[in-house]
Amino acid sequence: MMTIPDIVGDNAVHQILLPAPARWVEFAVTGTGNARVGDSAVSSTRGIPVSAGANCGFMAPFMGQFSFYQVNEFLAYIPTGSTLSVGAKE
């Protein structure tokens, strides 16, 4: 499993840089507010919402044996008061 350092929210969009291409990627939020995960158009009102709390989060679907998410494929909007954690499997 691969992880990156947690990203503390500041009401801004952040590029998610994975250490290597991944078959699946999981996003979890702690704190308050909803983060959003998406592509270059992600914002506070656009993207997949990721709620804080137990058993919440978003897992990008398994890509398959020979397909991978690229290291720079995801961006995330993270509100102040939230922290985003990312895990992935190469």
N, C-alpha and C. Protein backbone atom coordinates (compact mmCIF):
# COMPACT_ATOMS: atom_id res chain seq x y z
N MET A 1 0.84 -1.18 0.00
CA MET A 1 0.00 0.00 0.00
C MET A 1 0.88 1.23 0.00
N MET A 2 0.42 2.24 -0.73
CA MET A 2 1.13 3.53 -0.78
C MET A 2 0.28 4.57 -0.08
N THR A 3 0.93 5.50 0.59
CA THR A 3 0.24 6.64 1.17
C THR A 3 1.04 7.90 0.85
N ILE A 4 0.37 9.04 1.01
CA ILE A 4 1.06 10.32 0.89
C ILE A 4 0.79 11.08 2.18
N PRO A 5 1.57 12.12 2.48
CA PRO A 5 1.29 12.90 3.69
C PRO A 5 -0.12 13.48 3.63
N ASP A 6 -0.79 13.53 4.80
CA ASP A 6 -2.11 14.14 4.88
C ASP A 6 -2.05 15.57 4.38
N ILE A 7 -3.16 16.02 3.79
CA ILE A 7 -3.25 17.39 3.28
C ILE A 7 -4.25 18.14 4.14
N VAL A 8 -3.79 19.18 4.82
CA VAL A 8 -4.64 19.99 5.69
C VAL A 8 -5.39 20.99 4.82
N GLY A 9 -6.69 21.07 5.05
CA GLY A 9 -7.55 21.93 4.24
C GLY A 9 -7.29 23.42 4.43
N ASP A 10 -7.41 24.14 3.32
CA ASP A 10 -7.23 25.59 3.32
C ASP A 10 -8.15 26.27 2.30
N ASN A 11 -9.30 25.63 2.02
CA ASN A 11 -10.26 26.13 1.02
C ASN A 11 -9.62 26.29 -0.35
N ALA A 12 -8.76 25.35 -0.71
CA ALA A 12 -8.08 25.41 -2.01
C ALA A 12 -8.06 24.03 -2.65
N VAL A 13 -7.77 24.01 -3.95
CA VAL A 13 -7.62 22.77 -4.70
C VAL A 13 -6.16 22.34 -4.64
N HIS A 14 -5.95 21.05 -4.40
CA HIS A 14 -4.59 20.50 -4.30
C HIS A 14 -4.43 19.36 -5.30
N GLN A 15 -3.27 19.30 -5.93
CA GLN A 15 -2.92 18.18 -6.80
C GLN A 15 -2.55 17.00 -5.91
N ILE A 16 -3.11 15.84 -6.18
CA ILE A 16 -2.75 14.62 -5.46
C ILE A 16 -1.69 13.91 -6.29
N LEU A 17 -0.51 13.75 -5.72
CA LEU A 17 0.59 13.09 -6.42
C LEU A 17 0.90 11.76 -5.74
N LEU A 18 0.54 10.68 -6.41
CA LEU A 18 0.79 9.34 -5.89
C LEU A 18 2.25 8.96 -6.13
N PRO A 19 2.83 8.11 -5.28
CA PRO A 19 4.22 7.69 -5.47
C PRO A 19 4.44 6.86 -6.73
N ALA A 20 3.39 6.18 -7.20
CA ALA A 20 3.47 5.32 -8.40
C ALA A 20 2.06 5.15 -8.94
N PRO A 21 1.92 4.71 -10.20
CA PRO A 21 0.58 4.42 -10.71
C PRO A 21 -0.13 3.41 -9.79
N ALA A 22 -1.47 3.51 -9.71
CA ALA A 22 -2.21 2.71 -8.74
C ALA A 22 -3.40 2.00 -9.37
N ARG A 23 -3.71 0.82 -8.86
CA ARG A 23 -4.90 0.08 -9.30
C ARG A 23 -6.15 0.60 -8.63
N TRP A 24 -6.02 1.03 -7.37
CA TRP A 24 -7.13 1.67 -6.68
C TRP A 24 -6.60 2.77 -5.78
N VAL A 25 -7.47 3.75 -5.51
CA VAL A 25 -7.10 4.89 -4.66
C VAL A 25 -8.27 5.15 -3.71
N GLU A 26 -7.96 5.35 -2.44
CA GLU A 26 -8.98 5.63 -1.44
C GLU A 26 -8.72 6.98 -0.79
N PHE A 27 -9.78 7.75 -0.61
CA PHE A 27 -9.72 9.08 -0.01
C PHE A 27 -10.56 9.07 1.26
N ALA A 28 -10.02 9.61 2.36
CA ALA A 28 -10.76 9.72 3.62
C ALA A 28 -10.54 11.11 4.19
N VAL A 29 -11.56 11.62 4.87
CA VAL A 29 -11.51 12.98 5.42
C VAL A 29 -11.77 12.92 6.92
N THR A 30 -11.00 13.69 7.67
CA THR A 30 -11.26 13.89 9.09
C THR A 30 -11.50 15.38 9.30
N GLY A 31 -12.15 15.70 10.39
CA GLY A 31 -12.45 17.10 10.69
C GLY A 31 -13.88 17.45 10.33
N THR A 32 -14.07 18.67 9.84
CA THR A 32 -15.42 19.14 9.51
C THR A 32 -15.49 19.49 8.03
N GLY A 33 -16.67 19.41 7.48
CA GLY A 33 -16.85 19.78 6.08
C GLY A 33 -16.59 18.62 5.13
N ASN A 34 -16.97 18.83 3.89
CA ASN A 34 -16.79 17.82 2.84
C ASN A 34 -15.68 18.24 1.88
N ALA A 35 -14.75 17.34 1.65
CA ALA A 35 -13.77 17.55 0.59
C ALA A 35 -14.43 17.10 -0.71
N ARG A 36 -13.82 17.44 -1.84
CA ARG A 36 -14.31 16.98 -3.15
C ARG A 36 -13.12 16.50 -3.96
N VAL A 37 -13.30 15.37 -4.62
CA VAL A 37 -12.25 14.76 -5.43
C VAL A 37 -12.70 14.77 -6.88
N GLY A 38 -11.77 15.10 -7.79
CA GLY A 38 -12.13 15.10 -9.19
C GLY A 38 -10.94 15.37 -10.09
N ASP A 39 -11.25 15.96 -11.23
CA ASP A 39 -10.22 16.29 -12.22
C ASP A 39 -9.88 17.77 -12.13
N SER A 40 -9.39 18.34 -13.19
CA SER A 40 -8.96 19.74 -13.16
C SER A 40 -10.10 20.73 -12.93
N ALA A 41 -11.36 20.28 -13.01
CA ALA A 41 -12.50 21.16 -12.78
C ALA A 41 -13.03 21.09 -11.34
N VAL A 42 -12.38 20.33 -10.46
CA VAL A 42 -12.87 20.18 -9.10
C VAL A 42 -12.87 21.54 -8.39
N SER A 43 -13.90 21.74 -7.53
CA SER A 43 -14.01 22.99 -6.77
C SER A 43 -14.86 22.71 -5.54
N SER A 44 -15.24 23.75 -4.83
CA SER A 44 -16.07 23.58 -3.64
C SER A 44 -17.47 23.10 -3.99
N THR A 45 -17.86 23.19 -5.25
CA THR A 45 -19.19 22.77 -5.68
C THR A 45 -19.16 21.72 -6.79
N ARG A 46 -17.99 21.24 -7.14
CA ARG A 46 -17.88 20.28 -8.23
C ARG A 46 -16.89 19.19 -7.86
N GLY A 47 -17.23 17.95 -8.17
CA GLY A 47 -16.40 16.80 -7.85
C GLY A 47 -17.17 15.85 -6.95
N ILE A 48 -16.58 14.74 -6.61
CA ILE A 48 -17.23 13.74 -5.77
C ILE A 48 -17.04 14.14 -4.32
N PRO A 49 -18.14 14.37 -3.57
CA PRO A 49 -17.99 14.76 -2.17
C PRO A 49 -17.48 13.60 -1.32
N VAL A 50 -16.58 13.93 -0.42
CA VAL A 50 -16.04 12.96 0.53
C VAL A 50 -16.29 13.52 1.91
N SER A 51 -17.19 12.88 2.66
CA SER A 51 -17.59 13.35 3.98
C SER A 51 -16.63 12.87 5.04
N ALA A 52 -16.51 13.68 6.09
CA ALA A 52 -15.71 13.28 7.26
C ALA A 52 -16.53 12.31 8.10
N GLY A 53 -15.86 11.40 8.77
CA GLY A 53 -16.55 10.51 9.69
C GLY A 53 -16.19 9.05 9.46
N ALA A 54 -16.55 8.26 10.45
CA ALA A 54 -16.29 6.83 10.37
C ALA A 54 -17.07 6.20 9.23
N ASN A 55 -16.44 5.30 8.52
CA ASN A 55 -17.05 4.57 7.40
C ASN A 55 -17.47 5.48 6.26
N CYS A 56 -16.91 6.65 6.19
CA CYS A 56 -17.15 7.54 5.06
C CYS A 56 -15.88 7.54 4.21
N GLY A 57 -15.95 8.11 3.06
CA GLY A 57 -14.80 8.18 2.19
C GLY A 57 -15.21 7.89 0.77
N PHE A 58 -14.21 7.85 -0.08
CA PHE A 58 -14.44 7.56 -1.49
C PHE A 58 -13.32 6.67 -1.97
N MET A 59 -13.67 5.60 -2.64
CA MET A 59 -12.67 4.71 -3.21
C MET A 59 -12.85 4.68 -4.71
N ALA A 60 -11.84 5.13 -5.43
CA ALA A 60 -11.88 5.07 -6.90
C ALA A 60 -11.89 3.59 -7.29
N PRO A 61 -12.71 3.21 -8.23
CA PRO A 61 -12.86 1.79 -8.59
C PRO A 61 -11.54 1.12 -8.98
N PHE A 62 -11.47 -0.17 -8.70
CA PHE A 62 -10.32 -0.99 -9.10
C PHE A 62 -10.17 -0.92 -10.61
N MET A 63 -8.96 -0.66 -11.08
CA MET A 63 -8.73 -0.45 -12.51
C MET A 63 -8.51 -1.75 -13.29
N GLY A 64 -8.11 -2.81 -12.65
CA GLY A 64 -7.88 -4.05 -13.37
C GLY A 64 -6.41 -4.43 -13.37
N GLN A 65 -6.14 -5.58 -13.92
CA GLN A 65 -4.79 -6.14 -13.87
C GLN A 65 -3.76 -5.29 -14.61
N PHE A 66 -4.12 -4.70 -15.74
CA PHE A 66 -3.14 -3.98 -16.54
C PHE A 66 -3.48 -2.50 -16.73
N SER A 67 -4.44 -2.00 -15.95
CA SER A 67 -4.83 -0.59 -16.03
C SER A 67 -4.52 0.07 -14.70
N PHE A 68 -4.07 1.32 -14.76
CA PHE A 68 -3.66 2.02 -13.55
C PHE A 68 -4.12 3.48 -13.59
N TYR A 69 -4.40 4.03 -12.39
CA TYR A 69 -4.57 5.47 -12.27
C TYR A 69 -3.18 6.09 -12.34
N GLN A 70 -3.07 7.19 -13.05
CA GLN A 70 -1.77 7.86 -13.19
C GLN A 70 -1.43 8.61 -11.91
N VAL A 71 -0.16 8.90 -11.70
CA VAL A 71 0.30 9.51 -10.45
C VAL A 71 -0.30 10.91 -10.22
N ASN A 72 -0.69 11.59 -11.29
CA ASN A 72 -1.21 12.96 -11.14
C ASN A 72 -2.65 13.08 -11.63
N GLU A 73 -3.41 12.01 -11.59
CA GLU A 73 -4.76 11.99 -12.15
C GLU A 73 -5.81 12.72 -11.30
N PHE A 74 -5.59 12.82 -9.99
CA PHE A 74 -6.60 13.37 -9.08
C PHE A 74 -6.22 14.73 -8.54
N LEU A 75 -7.25 15.55 -8.35
CA LEU A 75 -7.14 16.80 -7.62
C LEU A 75 -8.21 16.78 -6.55
N ALA A 76 -8.03 17.56 -5.49
CA ALA A 76 -9.02 17.59 -4.42
C ALA A 76 -9.16 18.99 -3.87
N TYR A 77 -10.41 19.40 -3.66
CA TYR A 77 -10.70 20.63 -2.93
C TYR A 77 -10.87 20.22 -1.47
N ILE A 78 -10.16 20.89 -0.57
CA ILE A 78 -10.21 20.54 0.85
C ILE A 78 -10.53 21.80 1.65
N PRO A 79 -11.70 21.82 2.33
CA PRO A 79 -12.08 23.01 3.08
C PRO A 79 -11.26 23.16 4.36
N THR A 80 -11.18 24.36 4.84
CA THR A 80 -10.54 24.63 6.12
C THR A 80 -11.26 23.83 7.20
N GLY A 81 -10.52 23.22 8.09
CA GLY A 81 -11.10 22.41 9.15
C GLY A 81 -11.13 20.93 8.82
N SER A 82 -10.76 20.57 7.59
CA SER A 82 -10.73 19.17 7.16
C SER A 82 -9.30 18.77 6.82
N THR A 83 -9.04 17.49 6.92
CA THR A 83 -7.76 16.92 6.51
C THR A 83 -8.04 15.73 5.62
N LEU A 84 -7.37 15.66 4.47
CA LEU A 84 -7.55 14.56 3.52
C LEU A 84 -6.41 13.57 3.64
N SER A 85 -6.76 12.29 3.75
CA SER A 85 -5.79 11.19 3.75
C SER A 85 -6.00 10.37 2.49
N VAL A 86 -4.90 9.91 1.88
CA VAL A 86 -4.98 9.17 0.64
C VAL A 86 -4.15 7.88 0.76
N GLY A 87 -4.76 6.78 0.34
CA GLY A 87 -4.07 5.51 0.27
C GLY A 87 -4.29 4.91 -1.10
N ALA A 88 -3.35 4.14 -1.58
CA ALA A 88 -3.47 3.54 -2.92
C ALA A 88 -2.72 2.22 -2.95
N LYS A 89 -3.04 1.41 -3.93
CA LYS A 89 -2.35 0.14 -4.13
C LYS A 89 -1.82 0.06 -5.54
N GLU A 90 -0.52 -0.18 -5.66
CA GLU A 90 0.07 -0.27 -6.99
C GLU A 90 -0.16 -1.61 -7.63
